[in-house]
Amino acid sequence: MWWARGWEPVRVPYQPSSSTADSSLPPLSRPQLAEARRVRAAELFEDGVSNAEIARAVGACSESVRRWRRVWETGGASALRRRAATGRPAKLDDARVEAVRTALERGARAHGFEADLWTLERVGVVVERVTGVALSRASVWRLLTGRLGWSLQRPERRAVERDESEIARWIAHEWPRIKKGR
């Protein structure tokens, strides 16, 4: 898609449709898309394109383009780039998270627990043993679901004495006899 400025076309960043997109590449996040629009607007500012044309080209409102232009005039194209997230740094860096992943993949029994099930408290104990960092239950949950990509799994409640062959026999022979007796 392009908009004409005189005889010269104005380039717009290519946004592939879902059918033509390379499935091996992850989709851009919303902040990444917003940054791409601002960077494209900065290129168009340098080319002398009007705010209204830029707004149409990048799919933004004219107020945003005016604000971007003021920022661009004072700080250049780099001022329109995303800034690193502020706030408290993570307690566990990527290397420590991978060490925790490796330890958790060995199973709960390998760490001295009687059942091979993970709870937030057990994971917290393992994290502290492996990294020396104590995490709250909420932080352990964020570590598991966010950084490790794990999900909540509930074990099936099933008796240890359960005999699958006897259950199959009962369903095949006893149940039809009981059902007929109605």
C-alpha atoms as a PDB file:
ATOM      1  CA  MET A   1       0.000   0.000   0.000  1.00  0.00           C
ATOM      2  CA  TRP A   2       1.319   3.454  -0.775  1.00  0.00           C
ATOM      3  CA  TRP A   3       0.132   7.021  -0.921  1.00  0.00           C
ATOM      4  CA  ALA A   4       1.270   9.339  -3.701  1.00  0.00           C
ATOM      5  CA  ARG A   5       3.043  12.599  -2.889  1.00  0.00           C
ATOM      6  CA  GLY A   6       3.304  14.222  -6.269  1.00  0.00           C
ATOM      7  CA  TRP A   7       4.705  11.469  -8.493  1.00  0.00           C
ATOM      8  CA  GLU A   8       6.827   9.902  -5.826  1.00  0.00           C
ATOM      9  CA  PRO A   9       5.327   6.971  -3.865  1.00  0.00           C
ATOM     10  CA  VAL A  10       5.526   7.014  -0.083  1.00  0.00           C
ATOM     11  CA  ARG A  11       6.695   3.678   1.292  1.00  0.00           C
ATOM     12  CA  VAL A  12       4.798   1.968   4.094  1.00  0.00           C
ATOM     13  CA  PRO A  13       6.312  -0.883   6.117  1.00  0.00           C
ATOM     14  CA  TYR A  14       5.264  -4.252   4.775  1.00  0.00           C
ATOM     15  CA  GLN A  15       2.822  -6.046   7.035  1.00  0.00           C
ATOM     16  CA  PRO A  16       2.274  -9.603   5.781  1.00  0.00           C
ATOM     17  CA  SER A  17      -1.114 -11.166   6.136  1.00  0.00           C
ATOM     18  CA  SER A  18      -1.419 -14.231   8.333  1.00  0.00           C
ATOM     19  CA  SER A  19      -1.544 -16.512   5.280  1.00  0.00           C
ATOM     20  CA  THR A  20       1.753 -15.262   3.836  1.00  0.00           C
ATOM     21  CA  ALA A  21       3.618 -14.669   7.083  1.00  0.00           C
ATOM     22  CA  ASP A  22       6.595 -16.879   7.863  1.00  0.00           C
ATOM     23  CA  SER A  23       5.334 -19.192  10.583  1.00  0.00           C
ATOM     24  CA  SER A  24       8.850 -19.710  11.965  1.00  0.00           C
ATOM     25  CA  LEU A  25       9.049 -16.054  13.009  1.00  0.00           C
ATOM     26  CA  PRO A  26       7.102 -15.007  16.086  1.00  0.00           C
ATOM     27  CA  PRO A  27       4.583 -12.221  15.519  1.00  0.00           C
ATOM     28  CA  LEU A  28       5.592  -8.732  16.577  1.00  0.00           C
ATOM     29  CA  SER A  29       4.330  -7.615  19.952  1.00  0.00           C
ATOM     30  CA  ARG A  30       2.216  -4.482  20.282  1.00  0.00           C
ATOM     31  CA  PRO A  31       5.151  -2.386  21.553  1.00  0.00           C
ATOM     32  CA  GLN A  32       7.295  -3.611  18.640  1.00  0.00           C
ATOM     33  CA  LEU A  33       4.581  -2.703  16.132  1.00  0.00           C
ATOM     34  CA  ALA A  34       4.157   0.735  17.694  1.00  0.00           C
ATOM     35  CA  GLU A  35       7.901   1.323  17.510  1.00  0.00           C
ATOM     36  CA  ALA A  36       7.968   0.242  13.861  1.00  0.00           C
ATOM     37  CA  ARG A  37       5.244   2.785  13.084  1.00  0.00           C
ATOM     38  CA  ARG A  38       7.154   5.574  14.834  1.00  0.00           C
ATOM     39  CA  VAL A  39      10.414   4.666  13.073  1.00  0.00           C
ATOM     40  CA  ARG A  40       8.608   4.622   9.722  1.00  0.00           C
ATOM     41  CA  ALA A  41       7.137   8.027  10.556  1.00  0.00           C
ATOM     42  CA  ALA A  42      10.652   9.324  11.300  1.00  0.00           C
ATOM     43  CA  GLU A  43      11.805   8.179   7.839  1.00  0.00           C
ATOM     44  CA  LEU A  44       8.881  10.032   6.313  1.00  0.00           C
ATOM     45  CA  PHE A  45       9.660  13.157   8.401  1.00  0.00           C
ATOM     46  CA  GLU A  46      13.140  13.144   6.852  1.00  0.00           C
ATOM     47  CA  ASP A  47      11.574  12.916   3.381  1.00  0.00           C
ATOM     48  CA  GLY A  48       9.443  15.994   4.103  1.00  0.00           C
ATOM     49  CA  VAL A  49       6.085  14.212   3.996  1.00  0.00           C
ATOM     50  CA  SER A  50       3.166  16.045   5.647  1.00  0.00           C
ATOM     51  CA  ASN A  51       1.703  14.906   8.955  1.00  0.00           C
ATOM     52  CA  ALA A  52      -1.638  14.005   7.384  1.00  0.00           C
ATOM     53  CA  GLU A  53       0.003  11.766   4.769  1.00  0.00           C
ATOM     54  CA  ILE A  54       2.155  10.102   7.408  1.00  0.00           C
ATOM     55  CA  ALA A  55      -0.886   9.490   9.591  1.00  0.00           C
ATOM     56  CA  ARG A  56      -2.638   7.740   6.701  1.00  0.00           C
ATOM     57  CA  ALA A  57       0.489   5.818   5.710  1.00  0.00           C
ATOM     58  CA  VAL A  58       1.283   4.387   9.142  1.00  0.00           C
ATOM     59  CA  GLY A  59      -2.304   4.089  10.368  1.00  0.00           C
ATOM     60  CA  ALA A  60      -2.064   6.558  13.241  1.00  0.00           C
ATOM     61  CA  CYS A  61      -4.085   9.599  14.179  1.00  0.00           C
ATOM     62  CA  SER A  62      -2.726  13.008  13.205  1.00  0.00           C
ATOM     63  CA  GLU A  63      -2.334  14.029  16.858  1.00  0.00           C
ATOM     64  CA  SER A  64       0.106  11.174  17.422  1.00  0.00           C
ATOM     65  CA  VAL A  65       2.058  12.098  14.304  1.00  0.00           C
ATOM     66  CA  ARG A  66       2.313  15.729  15.477  1.00  0.00           C
ATOM     67  CA  ARG A  67       3.581  14.533  18.860  1.00  0.00           C
ATOM     68  CA  TRP A  68       6.097  12.184  17.164  1.00  0.00           C
ATOM     69  CA  ARG A  69       7.308  15.043  14.953  1.00  0.00           C
ATOM     70  CA  ARG A  70       7.965  17.285  18.009  1.00  0.00           C
ATOM     71  CA  VAL A  71       9.928  14.453  19.649  1.00  0.00           C
ATOM     72  CA  TRP A  72      11.792  13.763  16.398  1.00  0.00           C
ATOM     73  CA  GLU A  73      12.701  17.454  15.946  1.00  0.00           C
ATOM     74  CA  THR A  74      14.208  17.644  19.436  1.00  0.00           C
ATOM     75  CA  GLY A  75      15.810  14.197  19.753  1.00  0.00           C
ATOM     76  CA  GLY A  76      16.006  12.671  16.275  1.00  0.00           C
ATOM     77  CA  ALA A  77      14.869   9.212  15.207  1.00  0.00           C
ATOM     78  CA  SER A  78      16.467   7.563  18.233  1.00  0.00           C
ATOM     79  CA  ALA A  79      14.074   9.482  20.509  1.00  0.00           C
ATOM     80  CA  LEU A  80      11.173   7.588  18.893  1.00  0.00           C
ATOM     81  CA  ARG A  81      12.626   4.162  19.762  1.00  0.00           C
ATOM     82  CA  ARG A  82      11.343   2.095  22.661  1.00  0.00           C
ATOM     83  CA  ARG A  83      13.041   2.574  25.973  1.00  0.00           C
ATOM     84  CA  ALA A  84      14.027  -0.276  28.234  1.00  0.00           C
ATOM     85  CA  ALA A  85      11.478  -1.148  30.880  1.00  0.00           C
ATOM     86  CA  THR A  86      12.050   0.611  34.138  1.00  0.00           C
ATOM     87  CA  GLY A  87      11.518  -0.839  37.545  1.00  0.00           C
ATOM     88  CA  ARG A  88      13.177  -3.299  39.800  1.00  0.00           C
ATOM     89  CA  PRO A  89      15.445  -5.767  37.985  1.00  0.00           C
ATOM     90  CA  ALA A  90      14.541  -9.444  38.060  1.00  0.00           C
ATOM     91  CA  LYS A  91      15.989 -11.463  40.926  1.00  0.00           C
ATOM     92  CA  LEU A  92      16.897 -14.318  38.580  1.00  0.00           C
ATOM     93  CA  ASP A  93      18.864 -13.721  35.393  1.00  0.00           C
ATOM     94  CA  ASP A  94      18.472 -16.001  32.360  1.00  0.00           C
ATOM     95  CA  ALA A  95      21.326 -18.307  33.403  1.00  0.00           C
ATOM     96  CA  ARG A  96      19.771 -18.880  36.833  1.00  0.00           C
ATOM     97  CA  VAL A  97      16.337 -19.488  35.293  1.00  0.00           C
ATOM     98  CA  GLU A  98      17.863 -22.168  33.059  1.00  0.00           C
ATOM     99  CA  ALA A  99      19.549 -23.743  36.098  1.00  0.00           C
ATOM    100  CA  VAL A 100      16.160 -23.829  37.843  1.00  0.00           C
ATOM    101  CA  ARG A 101      14.541 -25.349  34.727  1.00  0.00           C
ATOM    102  CA  THR A 102      17.167 -28.097  34.641  1.00  0.00           C
ATOM    103  CA  ALA A 103      16.700 -28.820  38.343  1.00  0.00           C
ATOM    104  CA  LEU A 104      12.897 -28.941  38.063  1.00  0.00           C
ATOM    105  CA  GLU A 105      12.999 -31.232  35.035  1.00  0.00           C
ATOM    106  CA  ARG A 106      14.799 -33.846  37.138  1.00  0.00           C
ATOM    107  CA  GLY A 107      11.585 -34.241  39.137  1.00  0.00           C
ATOM    108  CA  ALA A 108      10.513 -33.642  42.714  1.00  0.00           C
ATOM    109  CA  ARG A 109      11.816 -36.998  43.988  1.00  0.00           C
ATOM    110  CA  ALA A 110      15.328 -36.098  42.856  1.00  0.00           C
ATOM    111  CA  HIS A 111      15.154 -33.220  45.345  1.00  0.00           C
ATOM    112  CA  GLY A 112      14.046 -35.361  48.269  1.00  0.00           C
ATOM    113  CA  PHE A 113      10.277 -34.985  48.099  1.00  0.00           C
ATOM    114  CA  GLU A 114       8.223 -38.158  48.606  1.00  0.00           C
ATOM    115  CA  ALA A 115       5.794 -37.613  45.714  1.00  0.00           C
ATOM    116  CA  ASP A 116       6.825 -36.546  42.221  1.00  0.00           C
ATOM    117  CA  LEU A 117       4.488 -33.530  42.256  1.00  0.00           C
ATOM    118  CA  TRP A 118       5.451 -29.881  42.223  1.00  0.00           C
ATOM    119  CA  THR A 119       3.802 -27.306  44.464  1.00  0.00           C
ATOM    120  CA  LEU A 120       4.692 -23.626  44.672  1.00  0.00           C
ATOM    121  CA  GLU A 121       6.325 -24.220  48.045  1.00  0.00           C
ATOM    122  CA  ARG A 122       8.443 -27.100  46.707  1.00  0.00           C
ATOM    123  CA  VAL A 123       9.529 -25.109  43.672  1.00  0.00           C
ATOM    124  CA  GLY A 124      10.431 -22.217  45.982  1.00  0.00           C
ATOM    125  CA  VAL A 125      12.628 -24.553  48.046  1.00  0.00           C
ATOM    126  CA  VAL A 126      14.392 -25.816  44.902  1.00  0.00           C
ATOM    127  CA  VAL A 127      14.884 -22.270  43.585  1.00  0.00           C
ATOM    128  CA  GLU A 128      16.478 -21.270  46.873  1.00  0.00           C
ATOM    129  CA  ARG A 129      18.737 -24.363  46.897  1.00  0.00           C
ATOM    130  CA  VAL A 130      19.859 -23.848  43.291  1.00  0.00           C
ATOM    131  CA  THR A 131      20.216 -20.065  43.170  1.00  0.00           C
ATOM    132  CA  GLY A 132      20.312 -18.903  46.776  1.00  0.00           C
ATOM    133  CA  VAL A 133      17.378 -16.564  46.071  1.00  0.00           C
ATOM    134  CA  ALA A 134      14.189 -16.839  48.131  1.00  0.00           C
ATOM    135  CA  LEU A 135      11.023 -16.097  46.140  1.00  0.00           C
ATOM    136  CA  SER A 136       7.477 -15.503  47.341  1.00  0.00           C
ATOM    137  CA  ARG A 137       4.703 -17.851  46.176  1.00  0.00           C
ATOM    138  CA  ALA A 138       3.534 -15.193  43.696  1.00  0.00           C
ATOM    139  CA  SER A 139       7.054 -14.829  42.292  1.00  0.00           C
ATOM    140  CA  VAL A 140       7.393 -18.606  41.990  1.00  0.00           C
ATOM    141  CA  TRP A 141       4.097 -18.667  40.064  1.00  0.00           C
ATOM    142  CA  ARG A 142       5.331 -15.923  37.685  1.00  0.00           C
ATOM    143  CA  LEU A 143       8.607 -17.795  37.233  1.00  0.00           C
ATOM    144  CA  LEU A 144       6.818 -21.042  36.359  1.00  0.00           C
ATOM    145  CA  THR A 145       4.123 -19.619  34.093  1.00  0.00           C
ATOM    146  CA  GLY A 146       5.900 -16.625  32.615  1.00  0.00           C
ATOM    147  CA  ARG A 147       9.590 -17.370  32.269  1.00  0.00           C
ATOM    148  CA  LEU A 148       9.522 -21.169  32.145  1.00  0.00           C
ATOM    149  CA  GLY A 149       6.257 -21.515  30.211  1.00  0.00           C
ATOM    150  CA  TRP A 150       4.813 -24.170  32.519  1.00  0.00           C
ATOM    151  CA  SER A 151       1.099 -24.465  33.212  1.00  0.00           C
ATOM    152  CA  LEU A 152      -1.028 -25.656  36.093  1.00  0.00           C
ATOM    153  CA  GLN A 153      -1.545 -29.422  36.033  1.00  0.00           C
ATOM    154  CA  ARG A 154      -3.731 -31.166  38.556  1.00  0.00           C
ATOM    155  CA  PRO A 155      -3.121 -34.873  39.178  1.00  0.00           C
ATOM    156  CA  GLU A 156      -5.986 -37.291  38.623  1.00  0.00           C
ATOM    157  CA  ARG A 157      -7.417 -38.722  41.784  1.00  0.00           C
ATOM    158  CA  ARG A 158      -7.169 -42.462  41.346  1.00  0.00           C
ATOM    159  CA  ALA A 159      -6.853 -45.278  43.868  1.00  0.00           C
ATOM    160  CA  VAL A 160      -3.516 -47.081  43.945  1.00  0.00           C
ATOM    161  CA  GLU A 161      -5.341 -50.424  44.164  1.00  0.00           C
ATOM    162  CA  ARG A 162      -7.276 -49.762  40.947  1.00  0.00           C
ATOM    163  CA  ASP A 163      -7.300 -52.779  38.598  1.00  0.00           C
ATOM    164  CA  GLU A 164      -7.941 -51.636  35.013  1.00  0.00           C
ATOM    165  CA  SER A 165      -8.559 -55.181  33.677  1.00  0.00           C
ATOM    166  CA  GLU A 166     -11.195 -55.852  36.365  1.00  0.00           C
ATOM    167  CA  ILE A 167     -12.895 -52.541  35.569  1.00  0.00           C
ATOM    168  CA  ALA A 168     -12.983 -53.395  31.849  1.00  0.00           C
ATOM    169  CA  ARG A 169     -14.432 -56.851  32.639  1.00  0.00           C
ATOM    170  CA  TRP A 170     -17.105 -55.341  34.900  1.00  0.00           C
ATOM    171  CA  ILE A 171     -18.133 -52.795  32.237  1.00  0.00           C
ATOM    172  CA  ALA A 172     -18.300 -55.504  29.560  1.00  0.00           C
ATOM    173  CA  HIS A 173     -20.144 -58.198  31.562  1.00  0.00           C
ATOM    174  CA  GLU A 174     -21.694 -56.955  34.802  1.00  0.00           C
ATOM    175  CA  TRP A 175     -22.954 -53.542  33.698  1.00  0.00           C
ATOM    176  CA  PRO A 176     -25.069 -54.846  30.767  1.00  0.00           C
ATOM    177  CA  ARG A 177     -26.605 -57.492  33.088  1.00  0.00           C
ATOM    178  CA  ILE A 178     -27.452 -54.857  35.703  1.00  0.00           C
ATOM    179  CA  LYS A 179     -28.802 -52.494  33.065  1.00  0.00           C
ATOM    180  CA  LYS A 180     -31.141 -55.196  31.645  1.00  0.00           C
ATOM    181  CA  GLY A 181     -32.547 -55.828  35.107  1.00  0.00           C
ATOM    182  CA  ARG A 182     -34.290 -52.477  35.178  1.00  0.00           C
END
